[in-house]
């Protein structure tokens, strides 16, 4: 059995009938988001860089070897709501 991963992981609706699409590639997703791409990259890049720790934490609730992906993302996720 082959595991097939779709090119687009998910989409989120935006105002005006548009949608933001998350591709398998962080580079492509950030590029497609235009002016919001750099902010998306800053949020997601630590998670991509530490994917093994993220998977351990989300699947096994094991403490990650590095606190950066979990703690850093949590702090950055609160930022948009504070402006």
N, C-alpha and C. Protein backbone atom coordinates (compact mmCIF):
# COMPACT_ATOMS: atom_id res chain seq x y z
N UNK A 1 0.84 -1.15 0.00
CA UNK A 1 0.00 0.00 0.00
C UNK A 1 0.90 1.23 0.00
N UNK A 2 0.60 2.18 -0.86
CA UNK A 2 1.32 3.44 -0.93
C UNK A 2 0.51 4.51 -0.21
N UNK A 3 1.20 5.28 0.61
CA UNK A 3 0.56 6.42 1.26
C UNK A 3 0.67 7.60 0.31
N UNK A 4 -0.45 8.16 -0.05
CA UNK A 4 -0.48 9.30 -0.96
C UNK A 4 -0.87 10.54 -0.17
N UNK A 5 -0.04 11.56 -0.30
CA UNK A 5 -0.29 12.82 0.38
C UNK A 5 -0.73 13.85 -0.65
N UNK A 6 -1.87 14.49 -0.44
CA UNK A 6 -2.33 15.48 -1.42
C UNK A 6 -1.42 16.70 -1.45
N UNK A 7 -1.34 17.37 -2.59
CA UNK A 7 -0.54 18.58 -2.74
C UNK A 7 -1.04 19.70 -1.83
N UNK A 8 -2.35 19.79 -1.66
CA UNK A 8 -2.95 20.81 -0.79
C UNK A 8 -3.45 20.12 0.48
N UNK A 9 -2.93 20.57 1.63
CA UNK A 9 -3.29 19.94 2.91
C UNK A 9 -4.65 20.40 3.41
N UNK A 10 -4.92 21.71 3.29
CA UNK A 10 -6.21 22.25 3.72
C UNK A 10 -6.36 23.66 3.17
N UNK A 11 -7.56 24.18 3.28
CA UNK A 11 -7.83 25.55 2.87
C UNK A 11 -8.66 26.25 3.93
N UNK A 12 -8.52 27.56 3.99
CA UNK A 12 -9.29 28.36 4.94
C UNK A 12 -9.97 29.49 4.19
N UNK A 13 -11.27 29.69 4.41
CA UNK A 13 -11.97 30.77 3.71
C UNK A 13 -11.51 32.15 4.18
N UNK A 14 -11.48 33.07 3.25
CA UNK A 14 -11.14 34.46 3.54
C UNK A 14 -12.29 35.36 3.10
N UNK A 15 -12.23 36.61 3.47
CA UNK A 15 -13.24 37.57 3.03
C UNK A 15 -13.25 37.66 1.50
N UNK A 16 -14.39 38.02 0.97
CA UNK A 16 -14.50 38.25 -0.47
C UNK A 16 -14.57 36.98 -1.30
N UNK A 17 -14.88 35.84 -0.68
CA UNK A 17 -15.01 34.60 -1.43
C UNK A 17 -13.68 33.95 -1.80
N UNK A 18 -12.59 34.45 -1.24
CA UNK A 18 -11.27 33.88 -1.52
C UNK A 18 -10.95 32.80 -0.49
N UNK A 19 -9.84 32.09 -0.71
CA UNK A 19 -9.40 31.08 0.24
C UNK A 19 -7.88 31.07 0.29
N UNK A 20 -7.35 30.74 1.47
CA UNK A 20 -5.91 30.51 1.63
C UNK A 20 -5.70 29.01 1.63
N UNK A 21 -4.75 28.54 0.84
CA UNK A 21 -4.47 27.12 0.73
C UNK A 21 -3.13 26.80 1.36
N UNK A 22 -3.08 25.70 2.11
CA UNK A 22 -1.83 25.23 2.70
C UNK A 22 -1.33 24.06 1.87
N UNK A 23 -0.19 24.26 1.24
CA UNK A 23 0.43 23.23 0.41
C UNK A 23 1.39 22.39 1.25
N UNK A 24 1.83 21.26 0.71
CA UNK A 24 2.83 20.44 1.39
C UNK A 24 4.11 21.24 1.62
N UNK A 25 4.40 22.14 0.73
CA UNK A 25 5.63 22.93 0.79
C UNK A 25 5.40 24.24 1.55
N UNK A 26 6.20 24.47 2.58
CA UNK A 26 6.14 25.74 3.31
C UNK A 26 6.49 26.89 2.37
N UNK A 27 7.48 26.69 1.53
CA UNK A 27 7.88 27.74 0.59
C UNK A 27 6.73 28.13 -0.34
N UNK A 28 6.04 27.14 -0.87
CA UNK A 28 4.93 27.44 -1.79
C UNK A 28 3.79 28.12 -1.06
N UNK A 29 3.46 27.63 0.13
CA UNK A 29 2.36 28.23 0.89
C UNK A 29 2.67 29.68 1.21
N UNK A 30 3.87 29.94 1.73
CA UNK A 30 4.25 31.32 2.06
C UNK A 30 4.25 32.19 0.81
N UNK A 31 4.72 31.66 -0.30
CA UNK A 31 4.74 32.41 -1.55
C UNK A 31 3.36 32.76 -2.06
N UNK A 32 2.42 31.85 -1.90
CA UNK A 32 1.05 32.07 -2.37
C UNK A 32 0.28 33.05 -1.49
N UNK A 33 0.75 33.27 -0.27
CA UNK A 33 0.04 34.16 0.65
C UNK A 33 0.39 35.63 0.45
N UNK A 34 1.25 35.93 -0.49
CA UNK A 34 1.58 37.32 -0.80
C UNK A 34 2.19 38.04 0.39
N UNK A 35 1.63 39.19 0.75
CA UNK A 35 2.20 40.01 1.83
C UNK A 35 2.13 39.32 3.18
N UNK A 36 1.25 38.34 3.35
CA UNK A 36 1.15 37.60 4.61
C UNK A 36 2.11 36.42 4.68
N UNK A 37 2.79 36.13 3.58
CA UNK A 37 3.70 35.00 3.52
C UNK A 37 4.82 35.03 4.56
N UNK A 38 5.51 36.16 4.73
CA UNK A 38 6.58 36.20 5.73
C UNK A 38 6.09 35.93 7.16
N UNK A 39 4.94 36.44 7.52
CA UNK A 39 4.39 36.17 8.86
C UNK A 39 4.05 34.70 9.02
N UNK A 40 3.46 34.11 7.98
CA UNK A 40 3.13 32.68 8.02
C UNK A 40 4.41 31.86 8.17
N UNK A 41 5.44 32.23 7.43
CA UNK A 41 6.71 31.51 7.51
C UNK A 41 7.30 31.60 8.93
N UNK A 42 7.27 32.79 9.53
CA UNK A 42 7.81 32.95 10.90
C UNK A 42 7.04 32.08 11.89
N UNK A 43 5.75 31.93 11.70
CA UNK A 43 4.94 31.11 12.59
C UNK A 43 5.21 29.62 12.39
N UNK A 44 5.27 29.19 11.14
CA UNK A 44 5.31 27.76 10.84
C UNK A 44 6.71 27.16 10.73
N UNK A 45 7.72 27.96 10.39
CA UNK A 45 9.05 27.41 10.15
C UNK A 45 9.63 26.65 11.35
N UNK A 46 9.48 27.16 12.59
CA UNK A 46 9.99 26.38 13.73
C UNK A 46 9.29 25.03 13.87
N UNK A 47 8.01 24.97 13.54
CA UNK A 47 7.29 23.70 13.62
C UNK A 47 7.80 22.72 12.56
N UNK A 48 8.04 23.21 11.37
CA UNK A 48 8.57 22.36 10.30
C UNK A 48 9.98 21.89 10.65
N UNK A 49 10.79 22.79 11.18
CA UNK A 49 12.18 22.47 11.52
C UNK A 49 12.25 21.41 12.63
N UNK A 50 11.28 21.40 13.53
CA UNK A 50 11.28 20.46 14.67
C UNK A 50 10.10 19.49 14.57
N UNK A 51 9.80 19.02 13.39
CA UNK A 51 8.59 18.21 13.19
C UNK A 51 8.57 16.95 14.06
N UNK A 52 9.72 16.33 14.31
CA UNK A 52 9.72 15.13 15.15
C UNK A 52 9.26 15.44 16.57
N UNK A 53 9.72 16.56 17.13
CA UNK A 53 9.27 16.96 18.47
C UNK A 53 7.79 17.30 18.47
N UNK A 54 7.33 17.98 17.43
CA UNK A 54 5.91 18.33 17.33
C UNK A 54 5.05 17.07 17.28
N UNK A 55 5.48 16.09 16.49
CA UNK A 55 4.71 14.84 16.39
C UNK A 55 4.70 14.10 17.72
N UNK A 56 5.85 14.03 18.41
CA UNK A 56 5.88 13.39 19.73
C UNK A 56 4.93 14.07 20.70
N UNK A 57 4.93 15.39 20.69
CA UNK A 57 4.08 16.15 21.61
C UNK A 57 2.60 15.96 21.29
N UNK A 58 2.23 16.04 20.01
CA UNK A 58 0.81 15.96 19.66
C UNK A 58 0.26 14.54 19.70
N UNK A 59 1.10 13.55 19.41
CA UNK A 59 0.60 12.17 19.38
C UNK A 59 0.76 11.46 20.71
N UNK A 60 1.84 11.74 21.40
CA UNK A 60 2.13 10.99 22.62
C UNK A 60 2.09 11.87 23.87
N UNK A 61 1.89 13.15 23.69
CA UNK A 61 1.93 14.12 24.77
C UNK A 61 3.25 14.02 25.54
N UNK A 62 4.31 13.67 24.79
CA UNK A 62 5.65 13.60 25.38
C UNK A 62 6.28 14.98 25.32
N UNK A 63 7.00 15.36 26.35
CA UNK A 63 7.66 16.67 26.30
C UNK A 63 8.66 16.72 25.14
N UNK A 64 8.65 17.79 24.37
CA UNK A 64 9.58 17.89 23.25
C UNK A 64 11.01 18.08 23.74
N UNK A 65 11.98 17.65 22.92
CA UNK A 65 13.39 17.84 23.25
C UNK A 65 13.73 19.33 23.28
N UNK A 66 13.06 20.08 22.45
CA UNK A 66 13.26 21.53 22.37
C UNK A 66 11.93 22.21 22.67
N UNK A 67 11.95 23.24 23.48
CA UNK A 67 10.72 23.96 23.81
C UNK A 67 10.32 24.95 22.72
N UNK A 68 11.23 25.25 21.78
CA UNK A 68 10.96 26.27 20.77
C UNK A 68 9.70 26.00 19.94
N UNK A 69 9.52 24.79 19.38
CA UNK A 69 8.37 24.64 18.48
C UNK A 69 7.03 24.77 19.18
N UNK A 70 6.90 24.24 20.37
CA UNK A 70 5.61 24.26 21.06
C UNK A 70 5.38 25.61 21.74
N UNK A 71 6.32 26.03 22.57
CA UNK A 71 6.17 27.29 23.29
C UNK A 71 6.21 28.49 22.37
N UNK A 72 7.13 28.48 21.43
CA UNK A 72 7.26 29.61 20.51
C UNK A 72 6.03 29.79 19.65
N UNK A 73 5.47 28.71 19.17
CA UNK A 73 4.28 28.81 18.33
C UNK A 73 3.10 29.31 19.15
N UNK A 74 2.99 28.84 20.39
CA UNK A 74 1.90 29.29 21.24
C UNK A 74 1.96 30.79 21.49
N UNK A 75 3.16 31.29 21.74
CA UNK A 75 3.30 32.73 21.96
C UNK A 75 2.99 33.52 20.71
N UNK A 76 3.48 33.05 19.56
CA UNK A 76 3.23 33.76 18.31
C UNK A 76 1.75 33.68 17.91
N UNK A 77 1.09 32.61 18.27
CA UNK A 77 -0.31 32.45 17.89
C UNK A 77 -1.20 33.47 18.60
N UNK A 78 -0.77 33.95 19.77
CA UNK A 78 -1.56 34.94 20.50
C UNK A 78 -1.36 36.34 19.95
N UNK A 79 -0.26 36.56 19.23
CA UNK A 79 0.08 37.89 18.74
C UNK A 79 -0.98 38.53 17.85
N UNK A 80 -1.54 37.82 16.85
CA UNK A 80 -2.51 38.47 15.99
C UNK A 80 -3.74 39.01 16.72
N UNK A 81 -4.11 38.37 17.83
CA UNK A 81 -5.29 38.80 18.56
C UNK A 81 -5.03 39.95 19.52
N UNK A 82 -3.77 40.36 19.64
CA UNK A 82 -3.46 41.40 20.61
C UNK A 82 -3.26 42.77 19.99
N UNK A 83 -3.44 42.88 18.68
CA UNK A 83 -3.22 44.17 18.03
C UNK A 83 -4.50 44.88 17.76
